[in-house]
Amino acid sequence: MKATAMLKRKEEYATILAFDVKVMPEAFDLAAESGVKILTADTVYKLVDNFTDHIKKLKEEKKKQCAADAVFPCTLKILPNRVYHSKDPIVCDVEVLEGIVKVGTPICACVPSKDRGADIVHGLGRISSDANIQWHAG
């Protein structure tokens, strides 16, 4: 099936558009095995709508898969009198000085190093809740 060639380039285009024809059940089975989608419709308008919906659905799936890898840079300040638990898990209130904070954002602390000349970066984990974040105005 020639449509499988598109799986390597652009997955969303590994699609067969069948306009006003009957598709054999074996063709659907073969397409499913090879990762190709067959879209059928009696009118061109429905076929175009089906294909557009298919593309949107695939893009949403990719977006969800990549969401965990997205990092929104920010600068936070821990409010010293608002540290409730200093060990795992760290529970404290923070003030956002710059950027955007979202649940899942990785947090690290940069400690200046006199010996190495560069900052030492310590990974602290990820933000699990945005309940007590204060937004800095300015």
N, C-alpha and C. Protein backbone atom coordinates (compact mmCIF):
# COMPACT_ATOMS: atom_id res chain seq x y z
N MET A 1 0.85 -1.16 0.00
CA MET A 1 0.00 0.00 0.00
C MET A 1 0.90 1.24 0.00
N LYS A 2 0.71 2.11 -0.96
CA LYS A 2 1.57 3.27 -1.12
C LYS A 2 1.39 4.30 -0.01
N ALA A 3 0.24 4.31 0.63
CA ALA A 3 -0.02 5.28 1.69
C ALA A 3 0.89 5.07 2.90
N THR A 4 1.44 3.87 3.08
CA THR A 4 2.33 3.62 4.21
C THR A 4 3.63 4.40 4.09
N ALA A 5 4.00 4.81 2.89
CA ALA A 5 5.22 5.60 2.71
C ALA A 5 5.13 6.92 3.47
N MET A 6 3.94 7.43 3.64
CA MET A 6 3.75 8.71 4.33
C MET A 6 3.91 8.58 5.84
N LEU A 7 3.87 7.37 6.38
CA LEU A 7 4.04 7.19 7.82
C LEU A 7 5.41 7.69 8.28
N LYS A 8 6.41 7.58 7.41
CA LYS A 8 7.76 8.02 7.76
C LYS A 8 7.90 9.54 7.67
N ARG A 9 7.16 10.15 6.78
CA ARG A 9 7.29 11.60 6.56
C ARG A 9 6.31 12.39 7.41
N LYS A 10 5.04 12.23 7.11
CA LYS A 10 3.99 12.95 7.84
C LYS A 10 2.85 11.98 8.11
N GLU A 11 2.75 11.58 9.35
CA GLU A 11 1.77 10.56 9.76
C GLU A 11 0.34 10.95 9.39
N GLU A 12 0.03 12.24 9.49
CA GLU A 12 -1.35 12.66 9.22
C GLU A 12 -1.75 12.48 7.76
N TYR A 13 -0.78 12.39 6.87
CA TYR A 13 -1.09 12.21 5.45
C TYR A 13 -1.08 10.74 5.02
N ALA A 14 -0.88 9.83 5.95
CA ALA A 14 -0.98 8.40 5.65
C ALA A 14 -2.45 8.02 5.71
N THR A 15 -3.20 8.58 4.77
CA THR A 15 -4.65 8.47 4.76
C THR A 15 -5.13 8.20 3.34
N ILE A 16 -6.11 7.33 3.23
CA ILE A 16 -6.75 7.09 1.93
C ILE A 16 -8.13 7.72 1.99
N LEU A 17 -8.41 8.60 1.04
CA LEU A 17 -9.71 9.25 0.96
C LEU A 17 -10.52 8.53 -0.11
N ALA A 18 -11.60 7.89 0.29
CA ALA A 18 -12.44 7.12 -0.63
C ALA A 18 -13.75 7.86 -0.85
N PHE A 19 -13.89 8.45 -2.03
CA PHE A 19 -15.07 9.25 -2.35
C PHE A 19 -16.06 8.44 -3.17
N ASP A 20 -17.25 8.22 -2.60
CA ASP A 20 -18.36 7.58 -3.29
C ASP A 20 -18.01 6.19 -3.85
N VAL A 21 -17.25 5.41 -3.08
CA VAL A 21 -16.92 4.04 -3.47
C VAL A 21 -17.08 3.13 -2.26
N LYS A 22 -17.28 1.84 -2.53
CA LYS A 22 -17.33 0.86 -1.46
C LYS A 22 -15.90 0.39 -1.19
N VAL A 23 -15.57 0.28 0.07
CA VAL A 23 -14.25 -0.21 0.46
C VAL A 23 -14.45 -1.58 1.09
N MET A 24 -13.67 -2.53 0.61
CA MET A 24 -13.78 -3.90 1.10
C MET A 24 -13.31 -3.97 2.56
N PRO A 25 -13.93 -4.83 3.37
CA PRO A 25 -13.50 -4.99 4.76
C PRO A 25 -12.03 -5.39 4.88
N GLU A 26 -11.54 -6.18 3.91
CA GLU A 26 -10.13 -6.59 3.93
C GLU A 26 -9.21 -5.37 3.80
N ALA A 27 -9.65 -4.38 3.03
CA ALA A 27 -8.85 -3.16 2.87
C ALA A 27 -8.76 -2.40 4.19
N PHE A 28 -9.88 -2.34 4.93
CA PHE A 28 -9.85 -1.68 6.23
C PHE A 28 -8.91 -2.42 7.19
N ASP A 29 -8.95 -3.76 7.15
CA ASP A 29 -8.07 -4.56 8.01
C ASP A 29 -6.61 -4.33 7.67
N LEU A 30 -6.29 -4.37 6.37
CA LEU A 30 -4.91 -4.16 5.92
C LEU A 30 -4.44 -2.75 6.29
N ALA A 31 -5.30 -1.77 6.12
CA ALA A 31 -4.94 -0.39 6.46
C ALA A 31 -4.69 -0.25 7.96
N ALA A 32 -5.52 -0.87 8.77
CA ALA A 32 -5.35 -0.79 10.22
C ALA A 32 -4.04 -1.45 10.65
N GLU A 33 -3.70 -2.57 10.03
CA GLU A 33 -2.44 -3.26 10.35
C GLU A 33 -1.24 -2.41 10.00
N SER A 34 -1.33 -1.67 8.88
CA SER A 34 -0.18 -0.88 8.44
C SER A 34 -0.17 0.54 8.98
N GLY A 35 -1.18 0.94 9.74
CA GLY A 35 -1.19 2.27 10.33
C GLY A 35 -1.76 3.35 9.44
N VAL A 36 -2.49 2.95 8.41
CA VAL A 36 -3.09 3.90 7.46
C VAL A 36 -4.56 4.05 7.81
N LYS A 37 -5.06 5.26 7.71
CA LYS A 37 -6.48 5.55 7.99
C LYS A 37 -7.22 5.65 6.66
N ILE A 38 -8.38 4.98 6.57
CA ILE A 38 -9.24 5.08 5.39
C ILE A 38 -10.47 5.89 5.77
N LEU A 39 -10.70 6.98 5.04
CA LEU A 39 -11.87 7.82 5.26
C LEU A 39 -12.79 7.69 4.06
N THR A 40 -14.06 7.45 4.31
CA THR A 40 -15.03 7.31 3.22
C THR A 40 -16.17 8.29 3.43
N ALA A 41 -16.76 8.73 2.30
CA ALA A 41 -17.93 9.61 2.35
C ALA A 41 -18.61 9.60 0.99
N ASP A 42 -19.90 9.93 1.00
CA ASP A 42 -20.67 9.98 -0.24
C ASP A 42 -20.53 11.33 -0.95
N THR A 43 -20.15 12.36 -0.20
CA THR A 43 -19.98 13.68 -0.82
C THR A 43 -18.58 14.19 -0.54
N VAL A 44 -18.11 15.04 -1.42
CA VAL A 44 -16.77 15.60 -1.26
C VAL A 44 -16.70 16.45 0.01
N TYR A 45 -17.76 17.18 0.29
CA TYR A 45 -17.78 18.05 1.46
C TYR A 45 -17.61 17.26 2.75
N LYS A 46 -18.31 16.14 2.86
CA LYS A 46 -18.18 15.29 4.05
C LYS A 46 -16.78 14.70 4.13
N LEU A 47 -16.24 14.32 2.99
CA LEU A 47 -14.89 13.74 2.97
C LEU A 47 -13.86 14.76 3.43
N VAL A 48 -13.99 15.98 2.95
CA VAL A 48 -13.07 17.05 3.37
C VAL A 48 -13.23 17.32 4.87
N ASP A 49 -14.46 17.37 5.36
CA ASP A 49 -14.69 17.57 6.79
C ASP A 49 -14.09 16.44 7.61
N ASN A 50 -14.28 15.20 7.16
CA ASN A 50 -13.71 14.04 7.87
C ASN A 50 -12.19 14.13 7.92
N PHE A 51 -11.59 14.50 6.79
CA PHE A 51 -10.13 14.60 6.74
C PHE A 51 -9.63 15.73 7.64
N THR A 52 -10.32 16.86 7.63
CA THR A 52 -9.94 17.98 8.50
C THR A 52 -10.05 17.59 9.97
N ASP A 53 -11.12 16.89 10.33
CA ASP A 53 -11.27 16.42 11.71
C ASP A 53 -10.17 15.43 12.08
N HIS A 54 -9.81 14.56 11.15
CA HIS A 54 -8.74 13.59 11.37
C HIS A 54 -7.42 14.30 11.64
N ILE A 55 -7.10 15.32 10.86
CA ILE A 55 -5.86 16.08 11.04
C ILE A 55 -5.87 16.79 12.39
N LYS A 56 -6.99 17.41 12.75
CA LYS A 56 -7.09 18.10 14.04
C LYS A 56 -6.89 17.14 15.20
N LYS A 57 -7.49 15.96 15.09
CA LYS A 57 -7.37 14.95 16.15
C LYS A 57 -5.92 14.51 16.33
N LEU A 58 -5.23 14.27 15.22
CA LEU A 58 -3.82 13.87 15.30
C LEU A 58 -2.96 14.97 15.90
N LYS A 59 -3.23 16.22 15.53
CA LYS A 59 -2.46 17.34 16.08
C LYS A 59 -2.69 17.48 17.58
N GLU A 60 -3.92 17.29 18.03
CA GLU A 60 -4.22 17.35 19.47
C GLU A 60 -3.50 16.25 20.23
N GLU A 61 -3.45 15.05 19.64
CA GLU A 61 -2.74 13.94 20.28
C GLU A 61 -1.25 14.25 20.41
N LYS A 62 -0.66 14.80 19.35
CA LYS A 62 0.76 15.17 19.39
C LYS A 62 1.00 16.27 20.42
N LYS A 63 0.07 17.20 20.50
CA LYS A 63 0.19 18.30 21.46
C LYS A 63 0.18 17.76 22.89
N LYS A 64 -0.70 16.80 23.16
CA LYS A 64 -0.78 16.20 24.49
C LYS A 64 0.49 15.42 24.81
N GLN A 65 1.05 14.75 23.81
CA GLN A 65 2.28 13.99 24.03
C GLN A 65 3.45 14.91 24.33
N CYS A 66 3.49 16.06 23.70
CA CYS A 66 4.60 17.00 23.87
C CYS A 66 4.42 17.92 25.07
N ALA A 67 3.24 17.96 25.65
CA ALA A 67 2.97 18.89 26.74
C ALA A 67 3.86 18.63 27.95
N ALA A 68 4.18 17.39 28.22
CA ALA A 68 5.02 17.06 29.37
C ALA A 68 6.44 17.56 29.18
N ASP A 69 6.89 17.69 27.93
CA ASP A 69 8.24 18.14 27.65
C ASP A 69 8.37 19.66 27.60
N ALA A 70 7.26 20.37 27.48
CA ALA A 70 7.30 21.83 27.37
C ALA A 70 7.69 22.44 28.71
N VAL A 71 8.60 23.40 28.66
CA VAL A 71 9.05 24.08 29.86
C VAL A 71 8.76 25.57 29.70
N PHE A 72 8.12 26.14 30.69
CA PHE A 72 7.85 27.57 30.70
C PHE A 72 8.83 28.21 31.68
N PRO A 73 9.84 28.93 31.17
CA PRO A 73 10.85 29.49 32.06
C PRO A 73 10.26 30.53 33.02
N CYS A 74 10.78 30.52 34.23
CA CYS A 74 10.30 31.47 35.22
C CYS A 74 11.36 31.66 36.30
N THR A 75 11.23 32.74 37.03
CA THR A 75 12.07 33.00 38.19
C THR A 75 11.14 33.10 39.40
N LEU A 76 11.43 32.29 40.40
CA LEU A 76 10.59 32.24 41.60
C LEU A 76 11.38 32.70 42.81
N LYS A 77 10.69 33.22 43.78
CA LYS A 77 11.30 33.57 45.06
C LYS A 77 10.50 32.84 46.14
N ILE A 78 11.19 32.02 46.91
CA ILE A 78 10.53 31.32 48.02
C ILE A 78 10.28 32.33 49.13
N LEU A 79 9.06 32.40 49.59
CA LEU A 79 8.72 33.31 50.69
C LEU A 79 9.19 32.66 51.99
N PRO A 80 10.22 33.24 52.63
CA PRO A 80 10.89 32.56 53.75
C PRO A 80 9.99 32.22 54.94
N ASN A 81 9.01 33.05 55.24
CA ASN A 81 8.14 32.76 56.38
C ASN A 81 6.96 31.87 55.99
N ARG A 82 6.99 31.33 54.77
CA ARG A 82 5.89 30.50 54.28
C ARG A 82 6.39 29.13 53.81
N VAL A 83 7.39 28.58 54.47
CA VAL A 83 7.87 27.22 54.16
C VAL A 83 7.20 26.28 55.15
N TYR A 84 6.35 25.40 54.63
CA TYR A 84 5.56 24.52 55.48
C TYR A 84 6.20 23.15 55.65
N HIS A 85 6.95 22.73 54.67
CA HIS A 85 7.62 21.44 54.72
C HIS A 85 8.90 21.55 53.90
N SER A 86 10.05 21.40 54.54
CA SER A 86 11.32 21.66 53.84
C SER A 86 11.96 20.41 53.25
N LYS A 87 11.36 19.26 53.45
CA LYS A 87 11.89 18.03 52.86
C LYS A 87 10.88 17.48 51.87
N ASP A 88 11.22 16.37 51.27
CA ASP A 88 10.41 15.79 50.21
C ASP A 88 9.02 15.41 50.71
N PRO A 89 7.96 15.95 50.20
CA PRO A 89 7.88 17.00 49.19
C PRO A 89 8.02 18.39 49.82
N ILE A 90 8.69 19.28 49.11
CA ILE A 90 8.83 20.66 49.58
C ILE A 90 7.48 21.36 49.40
N VAL A 91 7.00 21.95 50.48
CA VAL A 91 5.73 22.68 50.42
C VAL A 91 6.00 24.10 50.90
N CYS A 92 5.82 25.06 49.98
CA CYS A 92 6.07 26.45 50.33
C CYS A 92 5.30 27.36 49.39
N ASP A 93 5.18 28.61 49.80
CA ASP A 93 4.59 29.63 48.94
C ASP A 93 5.72 30.31 48.20
N VAL A 94 5.46 30.69 46.96
CA VAL A 94 6.48 31.37 46.17
C VAL A 94 5.88 32.62 45.53
N GLU A 95 6.77 33.53 45.16
CA GLU A 95 6.38 34.71 44.40
C GLU A 95 7.00 34.57 43.02
N VAL A 96 6.21 34.77 41.99
CA VAL A 96 6.70 34.67 40.62
C VAL A 96 7.26 36.03 40.23
N LEU A 97 8.57 36.09 40.00
CA LEU A 97 9.21 37.34 39.63
C LEU A 97 9.20 37.55 38.12
N GLU A 98 9.40 36.46 37.37
CA GLU A 98 9.41 36.53 35.91
C GLU A 98 8.83 35.25 35.34
N GLY A 99 8.25 35.35 34.16
CA GLY A 99 7.82 34.18 33.42
C GLY A 99 6.45 33.66 33.81
N ILE A 100 6.24 32.41 33.46
CA ILE A 100 4.95 31.74 33.65
C ILE A 100 5.18 30.47 34.45
N VAL A 101 4.35 30.26 35.45
CA VAL A 101 4.43 29.04 36.25
C VAL A 101 3.21 28.20 35.94
N LYS A 102 3.45 26.95 35.61
CA LYS A 102 2.36 26.01 35.36
C LYS A 102 2.65 24.73 36.13
N VAL A 103 1.60 24.00 36.42
CA VAL A 103 1.76 22.70 37.07
C VAL A 103 2.59 21.81 36.15
N GLY A 104 3.61 21.17 36.71
CA GLY A 104 4.50 20.32 35.92
C GLY A 104 5.80 20.99 35.54
N THR A 105 5.94 22.30 35.80
CA THR A 105 7.17 23.01 35.46
C THR A 105 8.30 22.49 36.34
N PRO A 106 9.45 22.10 35.74
CA PRO A 106 10.58 21.65 36.55
C PRO A 106 11.20 22.82 37.32
N ILE A 107 11.59 22.56 38.55
CA ILE A 107 12.17 23.59 39.41
C ILE A 107 13.61 23.19 39.76
N CYS A 108 14.51 24.17 39.68
CA CYS A 108 15.89 23.93 40.08
C CYS A 108 16.40 25.14 40.84
N ALA A 109 17.43 24.93 41.64
CA ALA A 109 18.07 26.01 42.38
C ALA A 109 19.48 26.18 41.85
N CYS A 110 19.86 27.41 41.57
CA CYS A 110 21.21 27.70 41.08
C CYS A 110 22.02 28.28 42.24
N VAL A 111 23.12 27.59 42.56
CA VAL A 111 23.98 28.01 43.66
C VAL A 111 25.30 28.47 43.06
N PRO A 112 25.74 29.72 43.35
CA PRO A 112 27.01 30.19 42.80
C PRO A 112 28.17 29.36 43.33
N SER A 113 29.11 29.04 42.45
CA SER A 113 30.28 28.25 42.83
C SER A 113 31.53 29.10 42.63
N LYS A 114 32.31 29.25 43.69
CA LYS A 114 33.55 30.03 43.59
C LYS A 114 34.64 29.22 42.90
N ASP A 115 34.64 27.91 43.12
CA ASP A 115 35.70 27.05 42.57
C ASP A 115 35.54 26.85 41.07
N ARG A 116 34.36 26.56 40.63
CA ARG A 116 34.13 26.20 39.23
C ARG A 116 33.87 27.40 38.33
N GLY A 117 33.50 28.51 38.89
CA GLY A 117 33.22 29.69 38.09
C GLY A 117 31.80 29.74 37.56
N ALA A 118 31.13 28.62 37.49
CA ALA A 118 29.75 28.56 37.00
C ALA A 118 28.84 28.14 38.14
N ASP A 119 27.58 28.44 37.98
CA ASP A 119 26.60 28.06 39.00
C ASP A 119 26.41 26.55 39.02
N ILE A 120 26.16 26.03 40.21
CA ILE A 120 25.80 24.62 40.36
C ILE A 120 24.28 24.55 40.36
N VAL A 121 23.73 23.69 39.52
CA VAL A 121 22.28 23.58 39.39
C VAL A 121 21.81 22.31 40.09
N HIS A 122 20.87 22.48 41.00
CA HIS A 122 20.28 21.36 41.73
C HIS A 122 18.82 21.21 41.32
N GLY A 123 18.47 20.06 40.77
CA GLY A 123 17.07 19.79 40.42
C GLY A 123 16.26 19.51 41.66
N LEU A 124 15.14 20.19 41.82
CA LEU A 124 14.31 20.03 43.01
C LEU A 124 13.02 19.26 42.76
N GLY A 125 12.66 19.09 41.50
CA GLY A 125 11.41 18.40 41.18
C GLY A 125 10.54 19.24 40.28
N ARG A 126 9.24 19.02 40.36
CA ARG A 126 8.28 19.75 39.51
C ARG A 126 7.19 20.36 40.38
N ILE A 127 6.59 21.42 39.87
CA ILE A 127 5.47 22.06 40.57
C ILE A 127 4.26 21.13 40.46
N SER A 128 3.67 20.80 41.60
CA SER A 128 2.52 19.89 41.58
C SER A 128 1.20 20.60 41.85
N SER A 129 1.27 21.85 42.33
CA SER A 129 0.04 22.59 42.59
C SER A 129 0.33 24.08 42.45
N ASP A 130 -0.65 24.82 41.97
CA ASP A 130 -0.47 26.27 41.86
C ASP A 130 -1.38 27.01 42.84
N ALA A 131 -1.68 26.37 43.95
CA ALA A 131 -2.64 26.94 44.90
C ALA A 131 -2.10 28.18 45.62
N ASN A 132 -0.81 28.22 45.96
CA ASN A 132 -0.29 29.32 46.77
C ASN A 132 0.80 30.10 46.05
N ILE A 133 0.60 30.39 44.79
CA ILE A 133 1.57 31.17 44.02
C ILE A 133 1.10 32.61 43.98
N GLN A 134 1.99 33.53 44.37
CA GLN A 134 1.67 34.95 44.31
C GLN A 134 2.30 35.53 43.05
N TRP A 135 1.53 36.27 42.30
CA TRP A 135 2.02 36.85 41.06
C TRP A 135 2.58 38.23 41.33
N HIS A 136 3.81 38.46 40.90
CA HIS A 136 4.50 39.74 41.09
C HIS A 136 4.03 40.72 40.03
N ALA A 137 3.55 41.85 40.44
CA ALA A 137 3.10 42.87 39.49
C ALA A 137 4.27 43.77 39.13
N GLY A 138 4.69 43.68 37.88
CA GLY A 138 5.76 44.57 37.45
C GLY A 138 6.88 43.90 36.86
